């Protein structure tokens, strides 16, 4: 998942049975294109997992002018925005004990991301109205 830290908007996500550099590469490329990010505009903070430090992903981000930073190894609270979002995901009342299938997982993620982005958009608009 790619989360805009300022607005908390989920700009892109994918669900897969395994985490690979190719999936990360596709997610990054699709999300950057979908959001219309221009070269030099984006800073990406990610964990130090192998897909995020794989050469294809690093090269794509460099080609797109994306500045990168990575969480410190073995530090679980180095990215509080992301950790907060995952906690919201896992502790929602509709989160199942088990998914019946991979398709069930994807459908649940789609519902959650739609709800989350709508909720965050409303909260951000409300906040902006009060700061102006």
N, C-alpha and C. Protein backbone atom coordinates (compact mmCIF):
# COMPACT_ATOMS: atom_id res chain seq x y z
N UNK A 1 0.83 -1.17 0.00
CA UNK A 1 0.00 0.00 0.00
C UNK A 1 0.88 1.24 0.00
N UNK A 2 0.42 2.25 -0.71
CA UNK A 2 1.11 3.53 -0.72
C UNK A 2 0.17 4.55 -0.08
N UNK A 3 0.67 5.19 0.97
CA UNK A 3 -0.13 6.10 1.78
C UNK A 3 0.50 7.49 1.75
N UNK A 4 -0.30 8.49 1.38
CA UNK A 4 0.16 9.88 1.44
C UNK A 4 0.18 10.28 2.91
N UNK A 5 1.34 10.56 3.44
CA UNK A 5 1.47 10.82 4.87
C UNK A 5 0.73 12.09 5.28
N UNK A 6 0.70 13.11 4.43
CA UNK A 6 0.05 14.36 4.80
C UNK A 6 -1.46 14.20 4.89
N UNK A 7 -2.07 13.63 3.85
CA UNK A 7 -3.53 13.51 3.82
C UNK A 7 -4.03 12.16 4.32
N UNK A 8 -3.14 11.19 4.44
CA UNK A 8 -3.45 9.81 4.80
C UNK A 8 -4.27 9.10 3.71
N UNK A 9 -4.29 9.64 2.53
CA UNK A 9 -5.01 9.05 1.40
C UNK A 9 -4.21 7.87 0.86
N UNK A 10 -4.87 6.74 0.63
CA UNK A 10 -4.22 5.58 0.03
C UNK A 10 -4.17 5.82 -1.48
N UNK A 11 -2.97 6.04 -2.00
CA UNK A 11 -2.83 6.35 -3.42
C UNK A 11 -2.73 5.10 -4.29
N UNK A 12 -2.39 3.99 -3.69
CA UNK A 12 -2.30 2.74 -4.44
C UNK A 12 -2.14 1.57 -3.49
N UNK A 13 -2.64 0.42 -3.90
CA UNK A 13 -2.51 -0.77 -3.08
C UNK A 13 -2.63 -2.00 -3.96
N UNK A 14 -2.14 -3.10 -3.44
CA UNK A 14 -2.30 -4.38 -4.10
C UNK A 14 -2.29 -5.46 -3.04
N UNK A 15 -2.92 -6.57 -3.34
CA UNK A 15 -2.90 -7.74 -2.47
C UNK A 15 -2.32 -8.88 -3.28
N UNK A 16 -1.44 -9.65 -2.67
CA UNK A 16 -0.81 -10.76 -3.36
C UNK A 16 -0.47 -11.86 -2.37
N UNK A 17 -0.26 -13.04 -2.89
CA UNK A 17 0.10 -14.17 -2.03
C UNK A 17 1.55 -14.09 -1.57
N UNK A 18 2.40 -13.46 -2.36
CA UNK A 18 3.81 -13.28 -2.00
C UNK A 18 4.22 -11.85 -2.34
N UNK A 19 5.21 -11.36 -1.61
CA UNK A 19 5.73 -10.01 -1.83
C UNK A 19 6.95 -10.12 -2.74
N UNK A 20 6.90 -9.43 -3.89
CA UNK A 20 8.02 -9.50 -4.83
C UNK A 20 8.38 -8.10 -5.33
N UNK A 21 9.58 -7.98 -5.84
CA UNK A 21 10.03 -6.72 -6.42
C UNK A 21 9.17 -6.34 -7.62
N UNK A 22 8.76 -7.33 -8.42
CA UNK A 22 7.95 -7.05 -9.61
C UNK A 22 6.61 -6.45 -9.22
N UNK A 23 5.98 -6.97 -8.17
CA UNK A 23 4.70 -6.41 -7.73
C UNK A 23 4.89 -4.99 -7.18
N UNK A 24 5.97 -4.78 -6.43
CA UNK A 24 6.26 -3.43 -5.92
C UNK A 24 6.50 -2.47 -7.07
N UNK A 25 7.24 -2.93 -8.06
CA UNK A 25 7.53 -2.11 -9.24
C UNK A 25 6.24 -1.69 -9.93
N UNK A 26 5.35 -2.65 -10.15
CA UNK A 26 4.08 -2.35 -10.82
C UNK A 26 3.22 -1.41 -9.97
N UNK A 27 3.15 -1.65 -8.67
CA UNK A 27 2.36 -0.79 -7.78
C UNK A 27 2.89 0.64 -7.81
N UNK A 28 4.20 0.80 -7.72
CA UNK A 28 4.79 2.14 -7.75
C UNK A 28 4.48 2.85 -9.06
N UNK A 29 4.74 2.15 -10.14
CA UNK A 29 4.55 2.75 -11.47
C UNK A 29 3.10 3.15 -11.68
N UNK A 30 2.15 2.26 -11.35
CA UNK A 30 0.73 2.55 -11.54
C UNK A 30 0.26 3.70 -10.64
N UNK A 31 0.71 3.70 -9.40
CA UNK A 31 0.27 4.74 -8.46
C UNK A 31 0.82 6.11 -8.86
N UNK A 32 2.07 6.15 -9.25
CA UNK A 32 2.69 7.42 -9.66
C UNK A 32 1.98 7.96 -10.90
N UNK A 33 1.70 7.08 -11.86
CA UNK A 33 1.00 7.51 -13.08
C UNK A 33 -0.42 7.97 -12.76
N UNK A 34 -1.13 7.20 -11.94
CA UNK A 34 -2.52 7.52 -11.58
C UNK A 34 -2.64 8.85 -10.86
N UNK A 35 -1.67 9.15 -10.01
CA UNK A 35 -1.72 10.38 -9.22
C UNK A 35 -1.11 11.58 -9.97
N UNK A 36 -0.53 11.34 -11.13
CA UNK A 36 0.04 12.43 -11.92
C UNK A 36 1.25 13.08 -11.27
N UNK A 37 2.05 12.27 -10.59
CA UNK A 37 3.24 12.79 -9.90
C UNK A 37 4.29 13.16 -10.95
N UNK A 38 4.83 14.36 -10.82
CA UNK A 38 5.87 14.80 -11.75
C UNK A 38 7.24 14.56 -11.13
N UNK A 39 8.22 14.47 -11.99
CA UNK A 39 9.59 14.20 -11.57
C UNK A 39 10.05 15.20 -10.51
N UNK A 40 10.66 14.68 -9.43
CA UNK A 40 11.19 15.51 -8.38
C UNK A 40 10.16 15.95 -7.34
N UNK A 41 8.91 15.51 -7.46
CA UNK A 41 7.83 15.96 -6.59
C UNK A 41 7.61 15.04 -5.39
N UNK A 42 8.05 13.80 -5.47
CA UNK A 42 7.65 12.79 -4.49
C UNK A 42 8.81 12.31 -3.63
N UNK A 43 8.53 12.14 -2.34
CA UNK A 43 9.44 11.44 -1.43
C UNK A 43 8.72 10.21 -0.94
N UNK A 44 9.37 9.08 -1.07
CA UNK A 44 8.78 7.81 -0.67
C UNK A 44 9.51 7.28 0.54
N UNK A 45 8.78 7.06 1.63
CA UNK A 45 9.34 6.45 2.83
C UNK A 45 8.80 5.04 2.91
N UNK A 46 9.69 4.07 2.95
CA UNK A 46 9.26 2.67 2.93
C UNK A 46 10.03 1.87 3.96
N UNK A 47 9.53 0.66 4.20
CA UNK A 47 10.29 -0.23 5.05
C UNK A 47 11.52 -0.71 4.26
N UNK A 48 12.36 -1.46 4.89
CA UNK A 48 13.59 -1.92 4.23
C UNK A 48 13.45 -3.35 3.73
N UNK A 49 12.22 -3.76 3.44
CA UNK A 49 11.99 -5.09 2.92
C UNK A 49 12.61 -5.27 1.55
N UNK A 50 12.90 -6.51 1.22
CA UNK A 50 13.61 -6.78 -0.04
C UNK A 50 12.91 -6.24 -1.28
N UNK A 51 11.55 -6.27 -1.40
CA UNK A 51 10.94 -5.68 -2.59
C UNK A 51 11.19 -4.17 -2.72
N UNK A 52 11.27 -3.48 -1.60
CA UNK A 52 11.44 -2.02 -1.65
C UNK A 52 12.89 -1.59 -1.88
N UNK A 53 13.83 -2.50 -1.67
CA UNK A 53 15.23 -2.14 -1.93
C UNK A 53 15.80 -2.90 -3.12
N UNK A 54 14.93 -3.62 -3.84
CA UNK A 54 15.35 -4.36 -5.02
C UNK A 54 15.76 -3.39 -6.13
N UNK A 55 16.75 -3.78 -6.90
CA UNK A 55 17.28 -2.90 -7.95
C UNK A 55 16.22 -2.40 -8.93
N UNK A 56 15.29 -3.25 -9.42
CA UNK A 56 14.29 -2.71 -10.36
C UNK A 56 13.46 -1.58 -9.76
N UNK A 57 13.09 -1.70 -8.49
CA UNK A 57 12.29 -0.67 -7.83
C UNK A 57 13.14 0.58 -7.61
N UNK A 58 14.36 0.40 -7.13
CA UNK A 58 15.26 1.53 -6.90
C UNK A 58 15.52 2.28 -8.20
N UNK A 59 15.75 1.55 -9.29
CA UNK A 59 16.01 2.19 -10.59
C UNK A 59 14.77 2.94 -11.10
N UNK A 60 13.58 2.33 -10.96
CA UNK A 60 12.36 3.01 -11.39
C UNK A 60 12.18 4.31 -10.63
N UNK A 61 12.33 4.25 -9.32
CA UNK A 61 12.15 5.45 -8.51
C UNK A 61 13.17 6.52 -8.88
N UNK A 62 14.40 6.12 -9.14
CA UNK A 62 15.42 7.08 -9.56
C UNK A 62 15.06 7.69 -10.91
N UNK A 63 14.60 6.86 -11.85
CA UNK A 63 14.20 7.36 -13.18
C UNK A 63 13.04 8.36 -13.07
N UNK A 64 12.16 8.14 -12.11
CA UNK A 64 11.00 9.01 -11.94
C UNK A 64 11.30 10.22 -11.04
N UNK A 65 12.53 10.32 -10.58
CA UNK A 65 12.92 11.45 -9.74
C UNK A 65 12.33 11.40 -8.34
N UNK A 66 12.08 10.19 -7.83
CA UNK A 66 11.50 10.01 -6.51
C UNK A 66 12.63 9.93 -5.48
N UNK A 67 12.55 10.78 -4.46
CA UNK A 67 13.48 10.72 -3.35
C UNK A 67 13.03 9.61 -2.42
N UNK A 68 13.96 8.79 -1.95
CA UNK A 68 13.58 7.67 -1.09
C UNK A 68 14.21 7.79 0.29
N UNK A 69 13.49 7.27 1.26
CA UNK A 69 14.03 7.08 2.60
C UNK A 69 13.46 5.76 3.11
N UNK A 70 14.17 5.14 4.02
CA UNK A 70 13.74 3.83 4.51
C UNK A 70 13.72 3.80 6.03
N UNK A 71 12.81 3.00 6.56
CA UNK A 71 12.73 2.81 8.00
C UNK A 71 14.02 2.17 8.49
N UNK A 72 14.30 2.42 9.75
CA UNK A 72 15.46 1.77 10.34
C UNK A 72 15.16 0.29 10.52
N UNK A 73 16.14 -0.57 10.29
CA UNK A 73 15.90 -2.01 10.44
C UNK A 73 15.44 -2.37 11.86
N UNK A 74 14.48 -3.24 11.95
CA UNK A 74 13.98 -3.80 13.21
C UNK A 74 13.39 -2.75 14.15
N UNK A 75 12.87 -1.66 13.59
CA UNK A 75 12.23 -0.62 14.39
C UNK A 75 10.78 -0.54 13.94
N UNK A 76 9.87 -1.07 14.76
CA UNK A 76 8.49 -1.21 14.33
C UNK A 76 7.71 0.10 14.32
N UNK A 77 8.17 1.12 15.02
CA UNK A 77 7.40 2.36 15.08
C UNK A 77 8.05 3.50 14.31
N UNK A 78 8.84 3.17 13.30
CA UNK A 78 9.54 4.19 12.53
C UNK A 78 8.65 4.86 11.50
N UNK A 79 7.49 4.32 11.25
CA UNK A 79 6.57 4.89 10.27
C UNK A 79 5.17 4.92 10.90
N UNK A 80 4.92 5.86 11.83
CA UNK A 80 3.67 5.83 12.59
C UNK A 80 2.41 6.00 11.75
N UNK A 81 2.46 6.75 10.67
CA UNK A 81 1.26 6.91 9.83
C UNK A 81 0.84 5.58 9.23
N UNK A 82 1.80 4.86 8.72
CA UNK A 82 1.52 3.55 8.15
C UNK A 82 1.05 2.56 9.21
N UNK A 83 1.72 2.57 10.35
CA UNK A 83 1.33 1.66 11.44
C UNK A 83 -0.09 1.97 11.91
N UNK A 84 -0.45 3.24 12.00
CA UNK A 84 -1.80 3.63 12.41
C UNK A 84 -2.83 3.14 11.40
N UNK A 85 -2.52 3.26 10.12
CA UNK A 85 -3.45 2.84 9.08
C UNK A 85 -3.64 1.32 9.12
N UNK A 86 -2.56 0.57 9.32
CA UNK A 86 -2.68 -0.89 9.40
C UNK A 86 -3.47 -1.31 10.64
N UNK A 87 -3.31 -0.58 11.73
CA UNK A 87 -4.10 -0.88 12.93
C UNK A 87 -5.59 -0.65 12.65
N UNK A 88 -5.91 0.44 11.98
CA UNK A 88 -7.30 0.70 11.61
C UNK A 88 -7.83 -0.43 10.75
N UNK A 89 -7.05 -0.88 9.80
CA UNK A 89 -7.43 -1.98 8.91
C UNK A 89 -7.71 -3.26 9.70
N UNK A 90 -6.81 -3.61 10.61
CA UNK A 90 -6.92 -4.89 11.33
C UNK A 90 -7.95 -4.89 12.45
N UNK A 91 -8.32 -3.73 12.97
CA UNK A 91 -9.23 -3.68 14.10
C UNK A 91 -10.63 -3.20 13.75
N UNK A 92 -10.95 -3.09 12.47
CA UNK A 92 -12.31 -2.75 12.07
C UNK A 92 -13.23 -3.91 12.43
N UNK A 93 -14.48 -3.61 12.80
CA UNK A 93 -15.40 -4.69 13.18
C UNK A 93 -15.65 -5.71 12.06
N UNK A 94 -15.51 -5.30 10.79
CA UNK A 94 -15.78 -6.22 9.69
C UNK A 94 -14.55 -7.03 9.27
N UNK A 95 -13.42 -6.89 10.00
CA UNK A 95 -12.23 -7.67 9.65
C UNK A 95 -12.47 -9.12 10.06
N UNK A 96 -12.40 -10.05 9.12
CA UNK A 96 -12.74 -11.45 9.44
C UNK A 96 -11.61 -12.16 10.20
N UNK A 97 -11.99 -13.22 10.90
CA UNK A 97 -10.99 -14.07 11.56
C UNK A 97 -10.13 -14.76 10.51
N UNK A 98 -10.76 -15.16 9.42
CA UNK A 98 -10.07 -15.81 8.30
C UNK A 98 -10.75 -15.38 7.00
N UNK A 99 -9.98 -15.33 5.94
CA UNK A 99 -10.55 -15.08 4.62
C UNK A 99 -10.83 -16.43 3.98
N UNK A 100 -11.97 -16.56 3.34
CA UNK A 100 -12.32 -17.82 2.69
C UNK A 100 -11.47 -18.11 1.46
N UNK A 101 -11.02 -17.03 0.81
CA UNK A 101 -10.23 -17.19 -0.40
C UNK A 101 -9.44 -15.91 -0.65
N UNK A 102 -8.55 -15.98 -1.60
CA UNK A 102 -7.79 -14.79 -1.98
C UNK A 102 -8.72 -13.72 -2.52
N UNK A 103 -9.75 -14.13 -3.25
CA UNK A 103 -10.72 -13.18 -3.79
C UNK A 103 -11.48 -12.47 -2.67
N UNK A 104 -11.78 -13.20 -1.58
CA UNK A 104 -12.42 -12.58 -0.41
C UNK A 104 -11.51 -11.51 0.19
N UNK A 105 -10.22 -11.81 0.26
CA UNK A 105 -9.23 -10.86 0.77
C UNK A 105 -9.22 -9.60 -0.09
N UNK A 106 -9.16 -9.77 -1.40
CA UNK A 106 -9.14 -8.62 -2.30
C UNK A 106 -10.42 -7.79 -2.18
N UNK A 107 -11.55 -8.45 -2.08
CA UNK A 107 -12.83 -7.73 -1.95
C UNK A 107 -12.87 -6.94 -0.64
N UNK A 108 -12.38 -7.56 0.43
CA UNK A 108 -12.34 -6.87 1.72
C UNK A 108 -11.43 -5.65 1.64
N UNK A 109 -10.26 -5.81 1.04
CA UNK A 109 -9.31 -4.69 0.90
C UNK A 109 -9.93 -3.57 0.07
N UNK A 110 -10.63 -3.90 -1.00
CA UNK A 110 -11.26 -2.89 -1.84
C UNK A 110 -12.29 -2.09 -1.05
N UNK A 111 -13.13 -2.80 -0.27
CA UNK A 111 -14.13 -2.10 0.55
C UNK A 111 -13.44 -1.20 1.58
N UNK A 112 -12.40 -1.73 2.22
CA UNK A 112 -11.71 -0.95 3.24
C UNK A 112 -11.07 0.29 2.64
N UNK A 113 -10.34 0.15 1.55
CA UNK A 113 -9.64 1.29 0.95
C UNK A 113 -10.63 2.36 0.50
N UNK A 114 -11.77 1.96 -0.04
CA UNK A 114 -12.79 2.92 -0.45
C UNK A 114 -13.32 3.66 0.77
N UNK A 115 -13.65 2.92 1.84
CA UNK A 115 -14.13 3.54 3.08
C UNK A 115 -13.07 4.46 3.67
N UNK A 116 -11.84 3.97 3.74
CA UNK A 116 -10.75 4.72 4.37
C UNK A 116 -10.48 6.03 3.62
N UNK A 117 -10.39 5.95 2.30
CA UNK A 117 -10.12 7.16 1.52
C UNK A 117 -11.26 8.17 1.63
N UNK A 118 -12.49 7.69 1.65
CA UNK A 118 -13.63 8.59 1.80
C UNK A 118 -13.60 9.25 3.17
N UNK A 119 -13.33 8.46 4.21
CA UNK A 119 -13.27 8.97 5.58
C UNK A 119 -12.14 9.99 5.72
N UNK A 120 -10.98 9.68 5.16
CA UNK A 120 -9.84 10.58 5.26
C UNK A 120 -10.09 11.86 4.48
N UNK A 121 -10.74 11.76 3.33
CA UNK A 121 -11.04 12.93 2.52
C UNK A 121 -11.97 13.88 3.28
N UNK A 122 -12.97 13.34 3.92
CA UNK A 122 -13.91 14.16 4.70
C UNK A 122 -13.20 14.80 5.87
N UNK A 123 -12.36 14.02 6.59
CA UNK A 123 -11.63 14.56 7.75
C UNK A 123 -10.67 15.66 7.32
N UNK A 124 -10.00 15.48 6.19
CA UNK A 124 -9.07 16.49 5.70
C UNK A 124 -9.80 17.76 5.30
N UNK A 125 -10.92 17.64 4.61
CA UNK A 125 -11.71 18.83 4.25
C UNK A 125 -12.17 19.57 5.48
N UNK A 126 -12.62 18.84 6.49
CA UNK A 126 -13.07 19.44 7.74
C UNK A 126 -11.91 20.18 8.41
N UNK A 127 -10.76 19.56 8.46
CA UNK A 127 -9.58 20.18 9.09
C UNK A 127 -9.16 21.43 8.34
N UNK A 128 -9.11 21.35 7.01
CA UNK A 128 -8.70 22.49 6.19
C UNK A 128 -9.66 23.67 6.37
N UNK A 129 -10.94 23.38 6.51
CA UNK A 129 -11.93 24.44 6.69
C UNK A 129 -11.68 25.21 7.99
N UNK A 130 -11.14 24.52 9.00
CA UNK A 130 -10.91 25.14 10.28
C UNK A 130 -9.55 25.87 10.37
N UNK A 131 -8.60 25.48 9.54
CA UNK A 131 -7.29 26.16 9.60
C UNK A 131 -7.26 27.42 8.76
N UNK A 132 -8.12 27.53 7.84
CA UNK A 132 -8.11 28.69 6.95
C UNK A 132 -8.72 29.82 7.65
